[in-house]
């Protein structure tokens, strides 16, 4: 039995309350949403578009670590590995009470879509202006299908940052949503799952344990990095005038040092394509008990680049 099994229904509310207790200058909670949970930034900014992110609970630091000034205004999660309820999303939108509107930003999974869509309808009935943006960056999903059929991974970190900065500068709800969708369209993430004892590398493994679409044996770190960049490069196809932003996220069993060794090899693989990428390395999304990485490329044109001046720091905190 899992140690917290008997408290599953209040696990995420307890988690968020403790986060707010640890960093009261940064976060507060919205109580009464069990079994979903809501973490909000300490000081609301009703004069801006409100950014609400959401997803399944129990895998930090994504998504609550992405809440704060310069990031999202609130994060809403469901019980462990479940989508948040529509009513928790609705109550969060009401609590933010932004006269400029609310952007619901989330990964493209059916439960998340249905509940965010219902929340949007409820908020609109109350007179709030609402837009939605669905992140579909996981290139290992829905292969051969339209891009919008993919699920989301950790690439959502970039549109969170872009939207927050655009909102800070006073952009309208429609403009913030347009920028989110533009960034999402130019973002791709690849999971690289490694079995070191077998010298086996699998590319494209799913967030819920789905097998990858390609497996290689006897691969070293440099070769794995080269193949990872090749696959991502072919998927996102950088265009003239775009700058590449790369995020290297370590899985739960990957060491801090290993993540930087891999990041260095990935950077060298990009350099061989005459690409100078801005790199972020950290533990942004700890989903499975496995060794490996997710690697994200965002190709940002001259419009998106100014919104990315801040830093993607390690372990899920965007500053």
C-alpha atoms as a PDB file:
ATOM      1  CA  UNK A   1       0.000   0.000   0.000  1.00  0.00           C
ATOM      2  CA  UNK A   2       1.210   3.477  -0.851  1.00  0.00           C
ATOM      3  CA  UNK A   3       2.168   5.448   2.236  1.00  0.00           C
ATOM      4  CA  UNK A   4      -0.391   8.162   1.400  1.00  0.00           C
ATOM      5  CA  UNK A   5      -3.081   5.808   0.064  1.00  0.00           C
ATOM      6  CA  UNK A   6      -5.502   6.534   2.897  1.00  0.00           C
ATOM      7  CA  UNK A   7      -5.327  10.281   2.186  1.00  0.00           C
ATOM      8  CA  UNK A   8      -5.635  10.259  -1.610  1.00  0.00           C
ATOM      9  CA  UNK A   9      -8.664  12.561  -1.644  1.00  0.00           C
ATOM     10  CA  UNK A  10      -6.879  15.338   0.241  1.00  0.00           C
ATOM     11  CA  UNK A  11      -3.332  14.607  -0.892  1.00  0.00           C
ATOM     12  CA  UNK A  12      -3.040  17.547  -3.322  1.00  0.00           C
ATOM     13  CA  UNK A  13      -4.731  20.108  -1.021  1.00  0.00           C
ATOM     14  CA  UNK A  14      -2.293  19.107   1.742  1.00  0.00           C
ATOM     15  CA  UNK A  15       0.604  19.363  -0.705  1.00  0.00           C
ATOM     16  CA  UNK A  16      -0.396  22.885  -1.792  1.00  0.00           C
ATOM     17  CA  UNK A  17      -1.064  24.099   1.729  1.00  0.00           C
ATOM     18  CA  UNK A  18       2.444  23.037   2.708  1.00  0.00           C
ATOM     19  CA  UNK A  19       3.902  24.843  -0.321  1.00  0.00           C
ATOM     20  CA  UNK A  20       2.135  28.020   0.774  1.00  0.00           C
ATOM     21  CA  UNK A  21       3.381  27.526   4.345  1.00  0.00           C
ATOM     22  CA  UNK A  22       6.953  27.070   3.115  1.00  0.00           C
ATOM     23  CA  UNK A  23       6.865  30.113   0.792  1.00  0.00           C
ATOM     24  CA  UNK A  24       4.111  32.420   2.111  1.00  0.00           C
ATOM     25  CA  UNK A  25       5.614  35.403   0.300  1.00  0.00           C
ATOM     26  CA  UNK A  26       5.068  33.621  -2.997  1.00  0.00           C
ATOM     27  CA  UNK A  27       1.952  31.439  -2.781  1.00  0.00           C
ATOM     28  CA  UNK A  28      -1.487  31.088  -1.254  1.00  0.00           C
ATOM     29  CA  UNK A  29      -4.180  28.440  -1.655  1.00  0.00           C
ATOM     30  CA  UNK A  30      -7.837  28.507  -2.590  1.00  0.00           C
ATOM     31  CA  UNK A  31      -9.499  26.244  -0.054  1.00  0.00           C
ATOM     32  CA  UNK A  32     -12.571  24.055  -0.402  1.00  0.00           C
ATOM     33  CA  UNK A  33     -11.863  22.495  -3.813  1.00  0.00           C
ATOM     34  CA  UNK A  34     -11.136  18.901  -2.680  1.00  0.00           C
ATOM     35  CA  UNK A  35     -10.165  16.500  -4.134  1.00  0.00           C
ATOM     36  CA  UNK A  36      -8.745  19.038  -6.604  1.00  0.00           C
ATOM     37  CA  UNK A  37      -6.368  21.681  -5.282  1.00  0.00           C
ATOM     38  CA  UNK A  38      -5.568  25.273  -6.202  1.00  0.00           C
ATOM     39  CA  UNK A  39      -2.305  27.167  -5.707  1.00  0.00           C
ATOM     40  CA  UNK A  40      -2.310  30.893  -6.471  1.00  0.00           C
ATOM     41  CA  UNK A  41       0.380  33.533  -6.516  1.00  0.00           C
ATOM     42  CA  UNK A  42       0.380  35.650  -3.378  1.00  0.00           C
ATOM     43  CA  UNK A  43      -0.499  38.996  -4.944  1.00  0.00           C
ATOM     44  CA  UNK A  44      -3.186  38.848  -7.664  1.00  0.00           C
ATOM     45  CA  UNK A  45      -2.956  41.286 -10.564  1.00  0.00           C
ATOM     46  CA  UNK A  46      -6.544  41.888 -11.739  1.00  0.00           C
ATOM     47  CA  UNK A  47      -5.380  44.535 -14.215  1.00  0.00           C
ATOM     48  CA  UNK A  48      -3.784  41.833 -16.369  1.00  0.00           C
ATOM     49  CA  UNK A  49      -4.986  38.774 -18.234  1.00  0.00           C
ATOM     50  CA  UNK A  50      -5.015  35.918 -15.707  1.00  0.00           C
ATOM     51  CA  UNK A  51      -3.094  32.756 -16.661  1.00  0.00           C
ATOM     52  CA  UNK A  52      -4.519  29.545 -15.175  1.00  0.00           C
ATOM     53  CA  UNK A  53      -2.612  26.303 -15.759  1.00  0.00           C
ATOM     54  CA  UNK A  54      -3.908  22.866 -14.842  1.00  0.00           C
ATOM     55  CA  UNK A  55      -3.267  19.144 -15.009  1.00  0.00           C
ATOM     56  CA  UNK A  56      -3.046  15.899 -13.079  1.00  0.00           C
ATOM     57  CA  UNK A  57      -1.634  16.040  -9.580  1.00  0.00           C
ATOM     58  CA  UNK A  58       1.237  14.301  -7.791  1.00  0.00           C
ATOM     59  CA  UNK A  59       4.190  15.075 -10.083  1.00  0.00           C
ATOM     60  CA  UNK A  60       6.174  18.116  -9.035  1.00  0.00           C
ATOM     61  CA  UNK A  61       7.404  20.623  -9.668  1.00  0.00           C
ATOM     62  CA  UNK A  62       5.123  20.712 -12.723  1.00  0.00           C
ATOM     63  CA  UNK A  63       2.630  22.385 -12.511  1.00  0.00           C
ATOM     64  CA  UNK A  64       2.533  24.291  -9.185  1.00  0.00           C
ATOM     65  CA  UNK A  65       6.207  25.257  -9.439  1.00  0.00           C
ATOM     66  CA  UNK A  66       5.240  27.405 -12.431  1.00  0.00           C
ATOM     67  CA  UNK A  67       3.025  29.741 -10.376  1.00  0.00           C
ATOM     68  CA  UNK A  68       4.267  33.162  -9.298  1.00  0.00           C
ATOM     69  CA  UNK A  69       5.178  36.603 -10.547  1.00  0.00           C
ATOM     70  CA  UNK A  70       6.403  36.307 -14.118  1.00  0.00           C
ATOM     71  CA  UNK A  71       4.629  32.964 -14.442  1.00  0.00           C
ATOM     72  CA  UNK A  72       1.064  31.671 -14.118  1.00  0.00           C
ATOM     73  CA  UNK A  73      -1.411  33.245 -11.705  1.00  0.00           C
ATOM     74  CA  UNK A  74      -2.774  29.905 -10.518  1.00  0.00           C
ATOM     75  CA  UNK A  75      -2.393  26.148 -10.905  1.00  0.00           C
ATOM     76  CA  UNK A  76      -5.278  23.718 -10.518  1.00  0.00           C
ATOM     77  CA  UNK A  77      -4.641  19.982 -10.159  1.00  0.00           C
ATOM     78  CA  UNK A  78      -6.837  16.960  -9.678  1.00  0.00           C
ATOM     79  CA  UNK A  79      -6.183  14.038  -7.351  1.00  0.00           C
ATOM     80  CA  UNK A  80      -3.029  12.049  -8.149  1.00  0.00           C
ATOM     81  CA  UNK A  81      -2.943  11.311 -11.905  1.00  0.00           C
ATOM     82  CA  UNK A  82      -6.411  12.770 -12.558  1.00  0.00           C
ATOM     83  CA  UNK A  83      -7.628  15.929 -14.244  1.00  0.00           C
ATOM     84  CA  UNK A  84      -8.828  18.790 -12.040  1.00  0.00           C
ATOM     85  CA  UNK A  85     -12.554  19.287 -11.681  1.00  0.00           C
ATOM     86  CA  UNK A  86     -14.355  21.855 -13.810  1.00  0.00           C
ATOM     87  CA  UNK A  87     -15.710  23.490 -10.660  1.00  0.00           C
ATOM     88  CA  UNK A  88     -12.250  23.975  -9.149  1.00  0.00           C
ATOM     89  CA  UNK A  89     -11.192  25.651 -12.403  1.00  0.00           C
ATOM     90  CA  UNK A  90     -14.354  27.753 -12.360  1.00  0.00           C
ATOM     91  CA  UNK A  91     -13.834  28.862  -8.754  1.00  0.00           C
ATOM     92  CA  UNK A  92     -10.227  29.733  -9.531  1.00  0.00           C
ATOM     93  CA  UNK A  93     -11.257  31.953 -12.433  1.00  0.00           C
ATOM     94  CA  UNK A  94     -13.819  33.698 -10.229  1.00  0.00           C
ATOM     95  CA  UNK A  95     -11.265  34.213  -7.448  1.00  0.00           C
ATOM     96  CA  UNK A  96      -8.807  35.844  -9.861  1.00  0.00           C
ATOM     97  CA  UNK A  97     -11.597  38.122 -11.116  1.00  0.00           C
ATOM     98  CA  UNK A  98      -9.553  39.580 -13.958  1.00  0.00           C
ATOM     99  CA  UNK A  99     -11.442  42.234 -15.895  1.00  0.00           C
ATOM    100  CA  UNK A 100      -9.038  41.657 -18.817  1.00  0.00           C
ATOM    101  CA  UNK A 101     -10.002  37.997 -19.094  1.00  0.00           C
ATOM    102  CA  UNK A 102      -8.700  34.534 -18.270  1.00  0.00           C
ATOM    103  CA  UNK A 103      -6.510  32.194 -20.305  1.00  0.00           C
ATOM    104  CA  UNK A 104      -6.889  28.494 -19.505  1.00  0.00           C
ATOM    105  CA  UNK A 105      -3.600  26.864 -20.531  1.00  0.00           C
ATOM    106  CA  UNK A 106      -3.204  23.092 -20.267  1.00  0.00           C
ATOM    107  CA  UNK A 107      -1.882  19.934 -21.906  1.00  0.00           C
ATOM    108  CA  UNK A 108      -3.965  18.214 -24.553  1.00  0.00           C
ATOM    109  CA  UNK A 109      -5.567  15.278 -22.732  1.00  0.00           C
ATOM    110  CA  UNK A 110      -9.245  14.418 -22.889  1.00  0.00           C
ATOM    111  CA  UNK A 111     -10.093  14.862 -19.197  1.00  0.00           C
ATOM    112  CA  UNK A 112      -8.232  18.163 -19.024  1.00  0.00           C
ATOM    113  CA  UNK A 113      -9.940  19.393 -22.175  1.00  0.00           C
ATOM    114  CA  UNK A 114     -13.459  18.442 -21.071  1.00  0.00           C
ATOM    115  CA  UNK A 115     -13.141  20.020 -17.630  1.00  0.00           C
ATOM    116  CA  UNK A 116     -11.421  23.192 -18.824  1.00  0.00           C
ATOM    117  CA  UNK A 117     -14.028  23.571 -21.555  1.00  0.00           C
ATOM    118  CA  UNK A 118     -16.839  23.219 -19.016  1.00  0.00           C
ATOM    119  CA  UNK A 119     -15.146  25.711 -16.706  1.00  0.00           C
ATOM    120  CA  UNK A 120     -14.807  28.162 -19.596  1.00  0.00           C
ATOM    121  CA  UNK A 121     -18.541  27.920 -20.274  1.00  0.00           C
ATOM    122  CA  UNK A 122     -19.395  28.504 -16.613  1.00  0.00           C
ATOM    123  CA  UNK A 123     -17.085  31.510 -16.396  1.00  0.00           C
ATOM    124  CA  UNK A 124     -18.524  32.971 -19.585  1.00  0.00           C
ATOM    125  CA  UNK A 125     -22.023  32.607 -18.164  1.00  0.00           C
ATOM    126  CA  UNK A 126     -20.825  34.725 -15.240  1.00  0.00           C
ATOM    127  CA  UNK A 127     -19.612  37.416 -17.620  1.00  0.00           C
ATOM    128  CA  UNK A 128     -15.897  36.595 -17.714  1.00  0.00           C
ATOM    129  CA  UNK A 129     -13.974  36.617 -20.969  1.00  0.00           C
ATOM    130  CA  UNK A 130     -12.136  33.298 -21.447  1.00  0.00           C
ATOM    131  CA  UNK A 131      -9.750  31.816 -23.999  1.00  0.00           C
ATOM    132  CA  UNK A 132      -8.174  28.346 -24.042  1.00  0.00           C
ATOM    133  CA  UNK A 133      -4.833  27.075 -25.366  1.00  0.00           C
ATOM    134  CA  UNK A 134      -3.939  23.368 -25.481  1.00  0.00           C
ATOM    135  CA  UNK A 135      -0.303  22.293 -25.551  1.00  0.00           C
ATOM    136  CA  UNK A 136       0.434  19.353 -27.877  1.00  0.00           C
ATOM    137  CA  UNK A 137       4.235  19.161 -27.885  1.00  0.00           C
ATOM    138  CA  UNK A 138       4.773  15.391 -27.381  1.00  0.00           C
ATOM    139  CA  UNK A 139       6.086  14.188 -30.750  1.00  0.00           C
ATOM    140  CA  UNK A 140       5.947  10.555 -29.597  1.00  0.00           C
ATOM    141  CA  UNK A 141       2.144  10.612 -29.603  1.00  0.00           C
ATOM    142  CA  UNK A 142      -0.294  10.414 -32.518  1.00  0.00           C
ATOM    143  CA  UNK A 143       2.497   9.745 -35.024  1.00  0.00           C
ATOM    144  CA  UNK A 144       1.282  10.286 -38.588  1.00  0.00           C
ATOM    145  CA  UNK A 145      -1.753  12.247 -37.369  1.00  0.00           C
ATOM    146  CA  UNK A 146      -2.326  16.019 -37.325  1.00  0.00           C
ATOM    147  CA  UNK A 147      -0.203  17.833 -34.747  1.00  0.00           C
ATOM    148  CA  UNK A 148      -3.248  18.910 -32.747  1.00  0.00           C
ATOM    149  CA  UNK A 149      -3.944  15.247 -31.912  1.00  0.00           C
ATOM    150  CA  UNK A 150      -0.764  14.994 -29.830  1.00  0.00           C
ATOM    151  CA  UNK A 151      -0.748  15.158 -26.063  1.00  0.00           C
ATOM    152  CA  UNK A 152       1.248  17.640 -24.063  1.00  0.00           C
ATOM    153  CA  UNK A 153       4.423  17.144 -22.083  1.00  0.00           C
ATOM    154  CA  UNK A 154       6.678  19.786 -20.493  1.00  0.00           C
ATOM    155  CA  UNK A 155       6.913  22.139 -23.474  1.00  0.00           C
ATOM    156  CA  UNK A 156       4.010  24.062 -21.919  1.00  0.00           C
ATOM    157  CA  UNK A 157       6.618  25.813 -19.747  1.00  0.00           C
ATOM    158  CA  UNK A 158       7.508  28.085 -22.667  1.00  0.00           C
ATOM    159  CA  UNK A 159       3.990  29.383 -23.445  1.00  0.00           C
ATOM    160  CA  UNK A 160       3.466  29.896 -19.693  1.00  0.00           C
ATOM    161  CA  UNK A 161       6.482  32.198 -19.655  1.00  0.00           C
ATOM    162  CA  UNK A 162       5.503  33.948 -22.896  1.00  0.00           C
ATOM    163  CA  UNK A 163       1.896  34.511 -21.834  1.00  0.00           C
ATOM    164  CA  UNK A 164       2.833  35.780 -18.385  1.00  0.00           C
ATOM    165  CA  UNK A 165       5.224  38.340 -19.835  1.00  0.00           C
ATOM    166  CA  UNK A 166       2.722  39.429 -22.503  1.00  0.00           C
ATOM    167  CA  UNK A 167       0.061  39.840 -19.798  1.00  0.00           C
ATOM    168  CA  UNK A 168       2.493  41.869 -17.672  1.00  0.00           C
ATOM    169  CA  UNK A 169       3.014  44.206 -20.615  1.00  0.00           C
ATOM    170  CA  UNK A 170      -0.742  44.756 -20.889  1.00  0.00           C
ATOM    171  CA  UNK A 171      -1.596  42.557 -23.877  1.00  0.00           C
ATOM    172  CA  UNK A 172      -5.250  41.755 -24.486  1.00  0.00           C
ATOM    173  CA  UNK A 173      -6.727  38.318 -23.831  1.00  0.00           C
ATOM    174  CA  UNK A 174      -6.928  37.623 -27.554  1.00  0.00           C
ATOM    175  CA  UNK A 175      -3.289  38.595 -28.047  1.00  0.00           C
ATOM    176  CA  UNK A 176      -2.077  36.479 -25.123  1.00  0.00           C
ATOM    177  CA  UNK A 177      -4.002  33.476 -26.444  1.00  0.00           C
ATOM    178  CA  UNK A 178      -2.623  34.005 -29.955  1.00  0.00           C
ATOM    179  CA  UNK A 179       0.947  34.091 -28.642  1.00  0.00           C
ATOM    180  CA  UNK A 180       0.332  30.897 -26.654  1.00  0.00           C
ATOM    181  CA  UNK A 181      -0.931  29.060 -29.716  1.00  0.00           C
ATOM    182  CA  UNK A 182       1.932  30.353 -31.834  1.00  0.00           C
ATOM    183  CA  UNK A 183       4.501  29.095 -29.311  1.00  0.00           C
ATOM    184  CA  UNK A 184       2.729  25.750 -28.994  1.00  0.00           C
ATOM    185  CA  UNK A 185       2.828  25.289 -32.757  1.00  0.00           C
ATOM    186  CA  UNK A 186       6.611  25.772 -32.739  1.00  0.00           C
ATOM    187  CA  UNK A 187       7.379  23.502 -29.767  1.00  0.00           C
ATOM    188  CA  UNK A 188       8.299  19.822 -29.798  1.00  0.00           C
ATOM    189  CA  UNK A 189       9.269  17.448 -26.983  1.00  0.00           C
ATOM    190  CA  UNK A 190      10.840  13.998 -27.219  1.00  0.00           C
ATOM    191  CA  UNK A 191      11.115  11.497 -24.384  1.00  0.00           C
ATOM    192  CA  UNK A 192      14.419   9.587 -24.277  1.00  0.00           C
ATOM    193  CA  UNK A 193      14.156   6.596 -21.927  1.00  0.00           C
ATOM    194  CA  UNK A 194      17.443   4.874 -21.068  1.00  0.00           C
ATOM    195  CA  UNK A 195      18.161   1.453 -19.560  1.00  0.00           C
ATOM    196  CA  UNK A 196      21.851   1.890 -18.652  1.00  0.00           C
ATOM    197  CA  UNK A 197      22.328  -1.714 -17.535  1.00  0.00           C
ATOM    198  CA  UNK A 198      21.240  -2.919 -21.001  1.00  0.00           C
ATOM    199  CA  UNK A 199      22.720   0.007 -22.935  1.00  0.00           C
ATOM    200  CA  UNK A 200      19.273   0.429 -24.452  1.00  0.00           C
ATOM    201  CA  UNK A 201      17.658   3.716 -25.483  1.00  0.00           C
ATOM    202  CA  UNK A 202      14.003   4.177 -26.426  1.00  0.00           C
ATOM    203  CA  UNK A 203      12.697   7.311 -28.131  1.00  0.00           C
ATOM    204  CA  UNK A 204       9.150   8.641 -27.819  1.00  0.00           C
ATOM    205  CA  UNK A 205       7.886   6.852 -24.702  1.00  0.00           C
ATOM    206  CA  UNK A 206       4.529   8.171 -23.527  1.00  0.00           C
ATOM    207  CA  UNK A 207       3.776  10.017 -20.323  1.00  0.00           C
ATOM    208  CA  UNK A 208       1.633   7.097 -19.107  1.00  0.00           C
ATOM    209  CA  UNK A 209       4.133   4.370 -19.916  1.00  0.00           C
ATOM    210  CA  UNK A 210       3.434   3.875 -23.621  1.00  0.00           C
ATOM    211  CA  UNK A 211       6.395   2.319 -25.473  1.00  0.00           C
ATOM    212  CA  UNK A 212       8.564   4.437 -27.714  1.00  0.00           C
ATOM    213  CA  UNK A 213       8.490   4.425 -31.504  1.00  0.00           C
ATOM    214  CA  UNK A 214      12.215   3.644 -31.881  1.00  0.00           C
ATOM    215  CA  UNK A 215      14.752   1.653 -29.862  1.00  0.00           C
ATOM    216  CA  UNK A 216      18.553   1.547 -30.201  1.00  0.00           C
ATOM    217  CA  UNK A 217      21.115  -0.728 -28.608  1.00  0.00           C
ATOM    218  CA  UNK A 218      24.747  -0.037 -27.695  1.00  0.00           C
ATOM    219  CA  UNK A 219      24.165   3.715 -27.723  1.00  0.00           C
ATOM    220  CA  UNK A 220      26.493   6.103 -25.934  1.00  0.00           C
ATOM    221  CA  UNK A 221      25.576   9.549 -24.625  1.00  0.00           C
ATOM    222  CA  UNK A 222      26.904  11.458 -27.646  1.00  0.00           C
ATOM    223  CA  UNK A 223      25.118   9.216 -30.162  1.00  0.00           C
ATOM    224  CA  UNK A 224      21.892   9.420 -28.160  1.00  0.00           C
ATOM    225  CA  UNK A 225      22.087  13.202 -28.098  1.00  0.00           C
ATOM    226  CA  UNK A 226      22.720  13.326 -31.852  1.00  0.00           C
ATOM    227  CA  UNK A 227      19.721  11.102 -32.592  1.00  0.00           C
ATOM    228  CA  UNK A 228      17.514  13.080 -30.200  1.00  0.00           C
ATOM    229  CA  UNK A 229      18.334  16.354 -31.931  1.00  0.00           C
ATOM    230  CA  UNK A 230      17.892  14.771 -35.363  1.00  0.00           C
ATOM    231  CA  UNK A 231      14.383  13.594 -34.490  1.00  0.00           C
ATOM    232  CA  UNK A 232      13.358  16.901 -32.908  1.00  0.00           C
ATOM    233  CA  UNK A 233      14.933  18.943 -35.703  1.00  0.00           C
ATOM    234  CA  UNK A 234      13.044  16.980 -38.345  1.00  0.00           C
ATOM    235  CA  UNK A 235       9.819  17.444 -36.405  1.00  0.00           C
ATOM    236  CA  UNK A 236       9.958  21.171 -35.655  1.00  0.00           C
ATOM    237  CA  UNK A 237      11.964  22.248 -38.747  1.00  0.00           C
ATOM    238  CA  UNK A 238      13.539  25.535 -37.571  1.00  0.00           C
ATOM    239  CA  UNK A 239      12.973  28.439 -39.937  1.00  0.00           C
ATOM    240  CA  UNK A 240      15.150  31.363 -40.938  1.00  0.00           C
ATOM    241  CA  UNK A 241      15.089  34.064 -38.284  1.00  0.00           C
ATOM    242  CA  UNK A 242      14.027  31.761 -35.463  1.00  0.00           C
ATOM    243  CA  UNK A 243      16.104  31.210 -32.336  1.00  0.00           C
ATOM    244  CA  UNK A 244      16.064  27.767 -30.758  1.00  0.00           C
ATOM    245  CA  UNK A 245      15.367  27.403 -27.038  1.00  0.00           C
ATOM    246  CA  UNK A 246      16.146  23.971 -25.578  1.00  0.00           C
ATOM    247  CA  UNK A 247      14.928  22.529 -22.288  1.00  0.00           C
ATOM    248  CA  UNK A 248      16.529  19.354 -20.904  1.00  0.00           C
ATOM    249  CA  UNK A 249      14.342  17.775 -18.241  1.00  0.00           C
ATOM    250  CA  UNK A 250      15.706  14.878 -16.223  1.00  0.00           C
ATOM    251  CA  UNK A 251      13.456  11.978 -15.249  1.00  0.00           C
ATOM    252  CA  UNK A 252      13.174  10.923 -11.635  1.00  0.00           C
ATOM    253  CA  UNK A 253      16.076   8.446 -11.556  1.00  0.00           C
ATOM    254  CA  UNK A 254      18.478  10.606 -13.558  1.00  0.00           C
ATOM    255  CA  UNK A 255      21.212  12.296 -11.565  1.00  0.00           C
ATOM    256  CA  UNK A 256      21.825  16.024 -11.501  1.00  0.00           C
ATOM    257  CA  UNK A 257      25.278  15.574 -13.017  1.00  0.00           C
ATOM    258  CA  UNK A 258      24.092  13.199 -15.758  1.00  0.00           C
ATOM    259  CA  UNK A 259      21.521  15.742 -16.892  1.00  0.00           C
ATOM    260  CA  UNK A 260      24.255  18.307 -17.547  1.00  0.00           C
ATOM    261  CA  UNK A 261      26.450  15.797 -19.379  1.00  0.00           C
ATOM    262  CA  UNK A 262      23.528  15.013 -21.678  1.00  0.00           C
ATOM    263  CA  UNK A 263      22.735  18.720 -22.057  1.00  0.00           C
ATOM    264  CA  UNK A 264      26.310  19.367 -23.168  1.00  0.00           C
ATOM    265  CA  UNK A 265      26.111  16.645 -25.817  1.00  0.00           C
ATOM    266  CA  UNK A 266      22.742  17.962 -27.014  1.00  0.00           C
ATOM    267  CA  UNK A 267      24.208  21.459 -27.292  1.00  0.00           C
ATOM    268  CA  UNK A 268      27.100  20.101 -29.372  1.00  0.00           C
ATOM    269  CA  UNK A 269      24.641  18.294 -31.649  1.00  0.00           C
ATOM    270  CA  UNK A 270      22.778  21.560 -32.203  1.00  0.00           C
ATOM    271  CA  UNK A 271      26.037  23.399 -32.851  1.00  0.00           C
ATOM    272  CA  UNK A 272      26.781  20.976 -35.683  1.00  0.00           C
ATOM    273  CA  UNK A 273      23.620  22.342 -37.287  1.00  0.00           C
ATOM    274  CA  UNK A 274      25.018  25.864 -36.879  1.00  0.00           C
ATOM    275  CA  UNK A 275      22.397  26.483 -34.221  1.00  0.00           C
ATOM    276  CA  UNK A 276      23.159  28.469 -31.070  1.00  0.00           C
ATOM    277  CA  UNK A 277      20.434  27.406 -28.658  1.00  0.00           C
ATOM    278  CA  UNK A 278      19.535  28.973 -25.356  1.00  0.00           C
ATOM    279  CA  UNK A 279      19.513  26.063 -22.916  1.00  0.00           C
ATOM    280  CA  UNK A 280      17.686  25.286 -19.678  1.00  0.00           C
ATOM    281  CA  UNK A 281      18.476  22.174 -17.605  1.00  0.00           C
ATOM    282  CA  UNK A 282      16.558  20.928 -14.589  1.00  0.00           C
ATOM    283  CA  UNK A 283      13.997  18.609 -13.053  1.00  0.00           C
ATOM    284  CA  UNK A 284      10.865  20.269 -14.423  1.00  0.00           C
ATOM    285  CA  UNK A 285       8.541  17.274 -14.669  1.00  0.00           C
ATOM    286  CA  UNK A 286       9.174  14.126 -12.612  1.00  0.00           C
ATOM    287  CA  UNK A 287       6.601  11.713 -13.971  1.00  0.00           C
ATOM    288  CA  UNK A 288       7.962   8.168 -13.974  1.00  0.00           C
ATOM    289  CA  UNK A 289      10.431   6.146 -11.909  1.00  0.00           C
ATOM    290  CA  UNK A 290      12.842   5.761 -14.782  1.00  0.00           C
ATOM    291  CA  UNK A 291      16.173   7.021 -16.055  1.00  0.00           C
ATOM    292  CA  UNK A 292      16.230   9.330 -19.028  1.00  0.00           C
ATOM    293  CA  UNK A 293      15.194  12.737 -20.257  1.00  0.00           C
ATOM    294  CA  UNK A 294      12.609  14.745 -22.075  1.00  0.00           C
ATOM    295  CA  UNK A 295      14.134  17.238 -24.479  1.00  0.00           C
ATOM    296  CA  UNK A 296      12.126  20.202 -25.766  1.00  0.00           C
ATOM    297  CA  UNK A 297      12.874  22.564 -28.630  1.00  0.00           C
ATOM    298  CA  UNK A 298      11.032  25.838 -29.093  1.00  0.00           C
ATOM    299  CA  UNK A 299      11.670  27.764 -32.305  1.00  0.00           C
ATOM    300  CA  UNK A 300      10.914  31.393 -31.495  1.00  0.00           C
ATOM    301  CA  UNK A 301      10.736  34.096 -34.155  1.00  0.00           C
ATOM    302  CA  UNK A 302      11.362  37.782 -33.591  1.00  0.00           C
ATOM    303  CA  UNK A 303       7.892  38.275 -32.110  1.00  0.00           C
ATOM    304  CA  UNK A 304       8.219  35.549 -29.465  1.00  0.00           C
ATOM    305  CA  UNK A 305      11.849  36.070 -28.462  1.00  0.00           C
ATOM    306  CA  UNK A 306      11.355  39.265 -26.401  1.00  0.00           C
ATOM    307  CA  UNK A 307       8.890  37.445 -24.127  1.00  0.00           C
ATOM    308  CA  UNK A 308      11.562  34.875 -23.248  1.00  0.00           C
ATOM    309  CA  UNK A 309      14.134  37.227 -21.743  1.00  0.00           C
ATOM    310  CA  UNK A 310      13.696  35.708 -18.283  1.00  0.00           C
ATOM    311  CA  UNK A 311      15.314  32.450 -17.248  1.00  0.00           C
ATOM    312  CA  UNK A 312      14.007  28.901 -17.053  1.00  0.00           C
ATOM    313  CA  UNK A 313      15.721  27.904 -13.823  1.00  0.00           C
ATOM    314  CA  UNK A 314      16.380  24.407 -12.554  1.00  0.00           C
ATOM    315  CA  UNK A 315      13.762  22.231 -10.905  1.00  0.00           C
ATOM    316  CA  UNK A 316      10.720  23.935 -12.230  1.00  0.00           C
ATOM    317  CA  UNK A 317      10.974  27.529 -11.112  1.00  0.00           C
ATOM    318  CA  UNK A 318      10.715  30.150 -13.821  1.00  0.00           C
ATOM    319  CA  UNK A 319      12.113  33.560 -12.924  1.00  0.00           C
END
